[in-house]
Amino acid sequence: MAFFDFDHPFFEPAWRRALVVGLCLGWGAFEFATDAPMWGFAFAGVGAVAFYQMFLARRSRSRARPGDER
């Protein structure tokens, strides 16, 4: 069971994916700035995973669509 469904149609527009990643990383930076490193690492980690899943891994999933094997 996944915590987030990164293939949900809500995340289809690139601006929404960028907004989610930016908010997570921005909130992580805010937590570091306010001397809360545990929360900073938590939000930065969520932002890093979201960036990977929404931008880098999404390309490989879109190239390998089911039913396109020839």
PDB file of N, CA and C in Angstrom:
ATOM      1  N   MET A   1       0.843  -1.178   0.000  1.00  0.00           N
ATOM      2  CA  MET A   1       0.000   0.000   0.000  1.00  0.00           C
ATOM      3  C   MET A   1       0.892   1.246   0.000  1.00  0.00           C
ATOM      4  N   ALA A   2       0.662   2.109  -0.922  1.00  0.00           N
ATOM      5  CA  ALA A   2       1.450   3.330  -1.043  1.00  0.00           C
ATOM      6  C   ALA A   2       0.802   4.464  -0.242  1.00  0.00           C
ATOM      7  N   PHE A   3       1.643   5.326   0.295  1.00  0.00           N
ATOM      8  CA  PHE A   3       1.143   6.466   1.047  1.00  0.00           C
ATOM      9  C   PHE A   3       0.529   7.501   0.116  1.00  0.00           C
ATOM     10  N   PHE A   4       1.169   7.719  -1.017  1.00  0.00           N
ATOM     11  CA  PHE A   4       0.674   8.634  -2.041  1.00  0.00           C
ATOM     12  C   PHE A   4       0.495   7.865  -3.338  1.00  0.00           C
ATOM     13  N   ASP A   5      -0.515   8.216  -4.098  1.00  0.00           N
ATOM     14  CA  ASP A   5      -0.677   7.678  -5.440  1.00  0.00           C
ATOM     15  C   ASP A   5      -0.179   8.745  -6.403  1.00  0.00           C
ATOM     16  N   PHE A   6       1.074   8.620  -6.814  1.00  0.00           N
ATOM     17  CA  PHE A   6       1.679   9.632  -7.666  1.00  0.00           C
ATOM     18  C   PHE A   6       1.138   9.592  -9.093  1.00  0.00           C
ATOM     19  N   ASP A   7       0.397   8.539  -9.450  1.00  0.00           N
ATOM     20  CA  ASP A   7      -0.194   8.439 -10.779  1.00  0.00           C
ATOM     21  C   ASP A   7      -1.639   8.926 -10.811  1.00  0.00           C
ATOM     22  N   HIS A   8      -2.095   9.536  -9.746  1.00  0.00           N
ATOM     23  CA  HIS A   8      -3.465  10.034  -9.682  1.00  0.00           C
ATOM     24  C   HIS A   8      -3.635  11.155 -10.711  1.00  0.00           C
ATOM     25  N   PRO A   9      -4.790  11.225 -11.353  1.00  0.00           N
ATOM     26  CA  PRO A   9      -5.011  12.270 -12.369  1.00  0.00           C
ATOM     27  C   PRO A   9      -4.863  13.700 -11.838  1.00  0.00           C
ATOM     28  N   PHE A  10      -4.993  13.907 -10.526  1.00  0.00           N
ATOM     29  CA  PHE A  10      -4.811  15.240  -9.957  1.00  0.00           C
ATOM     30  C   PHE A  10      -3.416  15.770 -10.247  1.00  0.00           C
ATOM     31  N   PHE A  11      -2.414  14.883 -10.296  1.00  0.00           N
ATOM     32  CA  PHE A  11      -1.029  15.294 -10.494  1.00  0.00           C
ATOM     33  C   PHE A  11      -0.634  15.359 -11.971  1.00  0.00           C
ATOM     34  N   GLU A  12      -1.575  15.315 -12.873  1.00  0.00           N
ATOM     35  CA  GLU A  12      -1.255  15.370 -14.296  1.00  0.00           C
ATOM     36  C   GLU A  12      -0.628  16.704 -14.711  1.00  0.00           C
ATOM     37  N   PRO A  13      -1.172  17.868 -14.319  1.00  0.00           N
ATOM     38  CA  PRO A  13      -0.526  19.137 -14.702  1.00  0.00           C
ATOM     39  C   PRO A  13       0.826  19.301 -13.982  1.00  0.00           C
ATOM     40  N   ALA A  14       1.815  19.718 -14.734  1.00  0.00           N
ATOM     41  CA  ALA A  14       3.165  19.865 -14.177  1.00  0.00           C
ATOM     42  C   ALA A  14       3.215  20.919 -13.066  1.00  0.00           C
ATOM     43  N   TRP A  15       2.381  21.961 -13.148  1.00  0.00           N
ATOM     44  CA  TRP A  15       2.427  23.007 -12.126  1.00  0.00           C
ATOM     45  C   TRP A  15       1.982  22.477 -10.775  1.00  0.00           C
ATOM     46  N   ARG A  16       1.065  21.513 -10.751  1.00  0.00           N
ATOM     47  CA  ARG A  16       0.642  20.942  -9.471  1.00  0.00           C
ATOM     48  C   ARG A  16       1.735  20.085  -8.867  1.00  0.00           C
ATOM     49  N   ARG A  17       2.422  19.320  -9.712  1.00  0.00           N
ATOM     50  CA  ARG A  17       3.538  18.505  -9.206  1.00  0.00           C
ATOM     51  C   ARG A  17       4.633  19.406  -8.663  1.00  0.00           C
ATOM     52  N   ALA A  18       4.948  20.477  -9.387  1.00  0.00           N
ATOM     53  CA  ALA A  18       5.983  21.405  -8.933  1.00  0.00           C
ATOM     54  C   ALA A  18       5.567  22.109  -7.641  1.00  0.00           C
ATOM     55  N   LEU A  19       4.301  22.441  -7.514  1.00  0.00           N
ATOM     56  CA  LEU A  19       3.813  23.093  -6.302  1.00  0.00           C
ATOM     57  C   LEU A  19       3.936  22.175  -5.088  1.00  0.00           C
ATOM     58  N   VAL A  20       3.570  20.918  -5.241  1.00  0.00           N
ATOM     59  CA  VAL A  20       3.678  19.972  -4.126  1.00  0.00           C
ATOM     60  C   VAL A  20       5.137  19.803  -3.702  1.00  0.00           C
ATOM     61  N   VAL A  21       6.018  19.628  -4.667  1.00  0.00           N
ATOM     62  CA  VAL A  21       7.442  19.468  -4.359  1.00  0.00           C
ATOM     63  C   VAL A  21       7.988  20.741  -3.720  1.00  0.00           C
ATOM     64  N   GLY A  22       7.651  21.887  -4.281  1.00  0.00           N
ATOM     65  CA  GLY A  22       8.135  23.157  -3.740  1.00  0.00           C
ATOM     66  C   GLY A  22       7.644  23.425  -2.326  1.00  0.00           C
ATOM     67  N   LEU A  23       6.386  23.103  -2.055  1.00  0.00           N
ATOM     68  CA  LEU A  23       5.860  23.293  -0.702  1.00  0.00           C
ATOM     69  C   LEU A  23       6.576  22.396   0.308  1.00  0.00           C
ATOM     70  N   CYS A  24       6.792  21.159  -0.058  1.00  0.00           N
ATOM     71  CA  CYS A  24       7.493  20.237   0.859  1.00  0.00           C
ATOM     72  C   CYS A  24       8.919  20.705   1.130  1.00  0.00           C
ATOM     73  N   LEU A  25       9.641  21.044   0.085  1.00  0.00           N
ATOM     74  CA  LEU A  25      11.026  21.486   0.269  1.00  0.00           C
ATOM     75  C   LEU A  25      11.086  22.836   0.976  1.00  0.00           C
ATOM     76  N   GLY A  26      10.158  23.720   0.653  1.00  0.00           N
ATOM     77  CA  GLY A  26      10.108  25.022   1.321  1.00  0.00           C
ATOM     78  C   GLY A  26       9.800  24.890   2.803  1.00  0.00           C
ATOM     79  N   TRP A  27       8.865  24.008   3.121  1.00  0.00           N
ATOM     80  CA  TRP A  27       8.540  23.807   4.534  1.00  0.00           C
ATOM     81  C   TRP A  27       9.718  23.163   5.265  1.00  0.00           C
ATOM     82  N   GLY A  28      10.435  22.286   4.593  1.00  0.00           N
ATOM     83  CA  GLY A  28      11.639  21.714   5.190  1.00  0.00           C
ATOM     84  C   GLY A  28      12.677  22.789   5.478  1.00  0.00           C
ATOM     85  N   ALA A  29      12.854  23.715   4.553  1.00  0.00           N
ATOM     86  CA  ALA A  29      13.798  24.822   4.767  1.00  0.00           C
ATOM     87  C   ALA A  29      13.341  25.703   5.925  1.00  0.00           C
ATOM     88  N   PHE A  30      12.047  25.946   6.020  1.00  0.00           N
ATOM     89  CA  PHE A  30      11.512  26.729   7.132  1.00  0.00           C
ATOM     90  C   PHE A  30      11.793  26.042   8.471  1.00  0.00           C
ATOM     91  N   GLU A  31      11.616  24.741   8.515  1.00  0.00           N
ATOM     92  CA  GLU A  31      11.872  24.007   9.757  1.00  0.00           C
ATOM     93  C   GLU A  31      13.351  24.058  10.134  1.00  0.00           C
ATOM     94  N   PHE A  32      14.234  23.950   9.165  1.00  0.00           N
ATOM     95  CA  PHE A  32      15.661  24.083   9.458  1.00  0.00           C
ATOM     96  C   PHE A  32      15.978  25.482   9.984  1.00  0.00           C
ATOM     97  N   ALA A  33      15.348  26.494   9.396  1.00  0.00           N
ATOM     98  CA  ALA A  33      15.602  27.875   9.803  1.00  0.00           C
ATOM     99  C   ALA A  33      15.102  28.167  11.209  1.00  0.00           C
ATOM    100  N   THR A  34      14.102  27.435  11.664  1.00  0.00           N
ATOM    101  CA  THR A  34      13.554  27.662  12.999  1.00  0.00           C
ATOM    102  C   THR A  34      14.082  26.650  14.012  1.00  0.00           C
ATOM    103  N   ASP A  35      15.234  26.062  13.716  1.00  0.00           N
ATOM    104  CA  ASP A  35      15.913  25.120  14.626  1.00  0.00           C
ATOM    105  C   ASP A  35      15.078  23.894  14.967  1.00  0.00           C
ATOM    106  N   ALA A  36      14.456  23.313  13.969  1.00  0.00           N
ATOM    107  CA  ALA A  36      13.729  22.055  14.139  1.00  0.00           C
ATOM    108  C   ALA A  36      14.248  21.072  13.084  1.00  0.00           C
ATOM    109  N   PRO A  37      15.472  20.569  13.270  1.00  0.00           N
ATOM    110  CA  PRO A  37      16.084  19.752  12.220  1.00  0.00           C
ATOM    111  C   PRO A  37      15.358  18.432  11.956  1.00  0.00           C
ATOM    112  N   MET A  38      14.727  17.849  12.969  1.00  0.00           N
ATOM    113  CA  MET A  38      14.022  16.596  12.734  1.00  0.00           C
ATOM    114  C   MET A  38      12.904  16.798  11.706  1.00  0.00           C
ATOM    115  N   TRP A  39      12.101  17.849  11.905  1.00  0.00           N
ATOM    116  CA  TRP A  39      11.030  18.141  10.958  1.00  0.00           C
ATOM    117  C   TRP A  39      11.591  18.603   9.623  1.00  0.00           C
ATOM    118  N   GLY A  40      12.714  19.301   9.657  1.00  0.00           N
ATOM    119  CA  GLY A  40      13.351  19.725   8.417  1.00  0.00           C
ATOM    120  C   GLY A  40      13.755  18.539   7.560  1.00  0.00           C
ATOM    121  N   PHE A  41      14.380  17.543   8.187  1.00  0.00           N
ATOM    122  CA  PHE A  41      14.756  16.341   7.447  1.00  0.00           C
ATOM    123  C   PHE A  41      13.524  15.575   6.975  1.00  0.00           C
ATOM    124  N   ALA A  42      12.481  15.543   7.792  1.00  0.00           N
ATOM    125  CA  ALA A  42      11.263  14.830   7.403  1.00  0.00           C
ATOM    126  C   ALA A  42      10.639  15.456   6.162  1.00  0.00           C
ATOM    127  N   PHE A  43      10.453  16.778   6.173  1.00  0.00           N
ATOM    128  CA  PHE A  43       9.819  17.433   5.028  1.00  0.00           C
ATOM    129  C   PHE A  43      10.736  17.461   3.812  1.00  0.00           C
ATOM    130  N   ALA A  44      12.029  17.618   4.028  1.00  0.00           N
ATOM    131  CA  ALA A  44      12.965  17.577   2.899  1.00  0.00           C
ATOM    132  C   ALA A  44      12.974  16.184   2.277  1.00  0.00           C
ATOM    133  N   GLY A  45      12.874  15.155   3.098  1.00  0.00           N
ATOM    134  CA  GLY A  45      12.813  13.790   2.581  1.00  0.00           C
ATOM    135  C   GLY A  45      11.548  13.534   1.781  1.00  0.00           C
ATOM    136  N   VAL A  46      10.420  14.011   2.291  1.00  0.00           N
ATOM    137  CA  VAL A  46       9.158  13.867   1.556  1.00  0.00           C
ATOM    138  C   VAL A  46       9.243  14.633   0.233  1.00  0.00           C
ATOM    139  N   GLY A  47       9.835  15.812   0.262  1.00  0.00           N
ATOM    140  CA  GLY A  47       9.991  16.593  -0.963  1.00  0.00           C
ATOM    141  C   GLY A  47      10.900  15.903  -1.970  1.00  0.00           C
ATOM    142  N   ALA A  48      11.976  15.274  -1.477  1.00  0.00           N
ATOM    143  CA  ALA A  48      12.894  14.563  -2.373  1.00  0.00           C
ATOM    144  C   ALA A  48      12.214  13.348  -3.002  1.00  0.00           C
ATOM    145  N   VAL A  49      11.455  12.603  -2.209  1.00  0.00           N
ATOM    146  CA  VAL A  49      10.731  11.452  -2.749  1.00  0.00           C
ATOM    147  C   VAL A  49       9.674  11.907  -3.749  1.00  0.00           C
ATOM    148  N   ALA A  50       8.969  12.975  -3.421  1.00  0.00           N
ATOM    149  CA  ALA A  50       7.952  13.493  -4.334  1.00  0.00           C
ATOM    150  C   ALA A  50       8.587  13.954  -5.646  1.00  0.00           C
ATOM    151  N   PHE A  51       9.732  14.631  -5.571  1.00  0.00           N
ATOM    152  CA  PHE A  51      10.422  15.067  -6.791  1.00  0.00           C
ATOM    153  C   PHE A  51      10.803  13.864  -7.643  1.00  0.00           C
ATOM    154  N   TYR A  52      11.364  12.851  -7.009  1.00  0.00           N
ATOM    155  CA  TYR A  52      11.765  11.665  -7.760  1.00  0.00           C
ATOM    156  C   TYR A  52      10.560  10.988  -8.412  1.00  0.00           C
ATOM    157  N   GLN A  53       9.511  10.767  -7.639  1.00  0.00           N
ATOM    158  CA  GLN A  53       8.346  10.054  -8.158  1.00  0.00           C
ATOM    159  C   GLN A  53       7.567  10.864  -9.190  1.00  0.00           C
ATOM    160  N   MET A  54       7.468  12.174  -8.992  1.00  0.00           N
ATOM    161  CA  MET A  54       6.633  12.980  -9.869  1.00  0.00           C
ATOM    162  C   MET A  54       7.335  13.458 -11.128  1.00  0.00           C
ATOM    163  N   PHE A  55       8.664  13.503 -11.113  1.00  0.00           N
ATOM    164  CA  PHE A  55       9.365  14.004 -12.287  1.00  0.00           C
ATOM    165  C   PHE A  55      10.299  12.981 -12.919  1.00  0.00           C
ATOM    166  N   LEU A  56      11.127  12.317 -12.142  1.00  0.00           N
ATOM    167  CA  LEU A  56      12.113  11.407 -12.716  1.00  0.00           C
ATOM    168  C   LEU A  56      11.532  10.033 -13.022  1.00  0.00           C
ATOM    169  N   ALA A  57      10.859   9.412 -12.074  1.00  0.00           N
ATOM    170  CA  ALA A  57      10.300   8.077 -12.303  1.00  0.00           C
ATOM    171  C   ALA A  57       9.069   8.135 -13.191  1.00  0.00           C
ATOM    172  N   ARG A  58       8.398   9.252 -13.250  1.00  0.00           N
ATOM    173  CA  ARG A  58       7.195   9.400 -14.072  1.00  0.00           C
ATOM    174  C   ARG A  58       7.527   9.233 -15.546  1.00  0.00           C
ATOM    175  N   ARG A  59       8.695   9.700 -15.967  1.00  0.00           N
ATOM    176  CA  ARG A  59       9.098   9.571 -17.367  1.00  0.00           C
ATOM    177  C   ARG A  59       9.246   8.114 -17.765  1.00  0.00           C
ATOM    178  N   SER A  60       9.886   7.334 -16.904  1.00  0.00           N
ATOM    179  CA  SER A  60      10.086   5.929 -17.247  1.00  0.00           C
ATOM    180  C   SER A  60       8.768   5.173 -17.232  1.00  0.00           C
ATOM    181  N   ARG A  61       7.844   5.545 -16.339  1.00  0.00           N
ATOM    182  CA  ARG A  61       6.535   4.888 -16.315  1.00  0.00           C
ATOM    183  C   ARG A  61       5.723   5.261 -17.545  1.00  0.00           C
ATOM    184  N   SER A  62       5.855   6.501 -18.018  1.00  0.00           N
ATOM    185  CA  SER A  62       5.070   6.913 -19.180  1.00  0.00           C
ATOM    186  C   SER A  62       5.610   6.281 -20.463  1.00  0.00           C
ATOM    187  N   ARG A  63       6.894   5.986 -20.505  1.00  0.00           N
ATOM    188  CA  ARG A  63       7.460   5.324 -21.684  1.00  0.00           C
ATOM    189  C   ARG A  63       7.041   3.863 -21.760  1.00  0.00           C
ATOM    190  N   ALA A  64       6.965   3.208 -20.625  1.00  0.00           N
ATOM    191  CA  ALA A  64       6.635   1.780 -20.584  1.00  0.00           C
ATOM    192  C   ALA A  64       5.166   1.598 -20.235  1.00  0.00           C
ATOM    193  N   ARG A  65       4.303   1.890 -21.166  1.00  0.00           N
ATOM    194  CA  ARG A  65       2.860   1.739 -20.938  1.00  0.00           C
ATOM    195  C   ARG A  65       2.453   0.299 -21.204  1.00  0.00           C
ATOM    196  N   PRO A  66       1.544  -0.210 -20.405  1.00  0.00           N
ATOM    197  CA  PRO A  66       1.087  -1.580 -20.659  1.00  0.00           C
ATOM    198  C   PRO A  66       0.367  -1.684 -22.002  1.00  0.00           C
ATOM    199  N   GLY A  67       0.614  -2.764 -22.672  1.00  0.00           N
ATOM    200  CA  GLY A  67      -0.009  -2.977 -23.971  1.00  0.00           C
ATOM    201  C   GLY A  67       0.820  -2.461 -25.138  1.00  0.00           C
ATOM    202  N   ASP A  68       1.940  -1.799 -24.860  1.00  0.00           N
ATOM    203  CA  ASP A  68       2.787  -1.274 -25.941  1.00  0.00           C
ATOM    204  C   ASP A  68       3.934  -2.197 -26.288  1.00  0.00           C
ATOM    205  N   GLU A  69       3.949  -3.408 -25.729  1.00  0.00           N
ATOM    206  CA  GLU A  69       5.053  -4.333 -26.033  1.00  0.00           C
ATOM    207  C   GLU A  69       4.920  -4.814 -27.476  1.00  0.00           C
ATOM    208  N   ARG A  70       5.977  -4.674 -28.224  1.00  0.00           N
ATOM    209  CA  ARG A  70       5.955  -5.111 -29.626  1.00  0.00           C
ATOM    210  C   ARG A  70       7.158  -5.939 -29.910  1.00  0.00           C
TER     211      ARG A  70
END
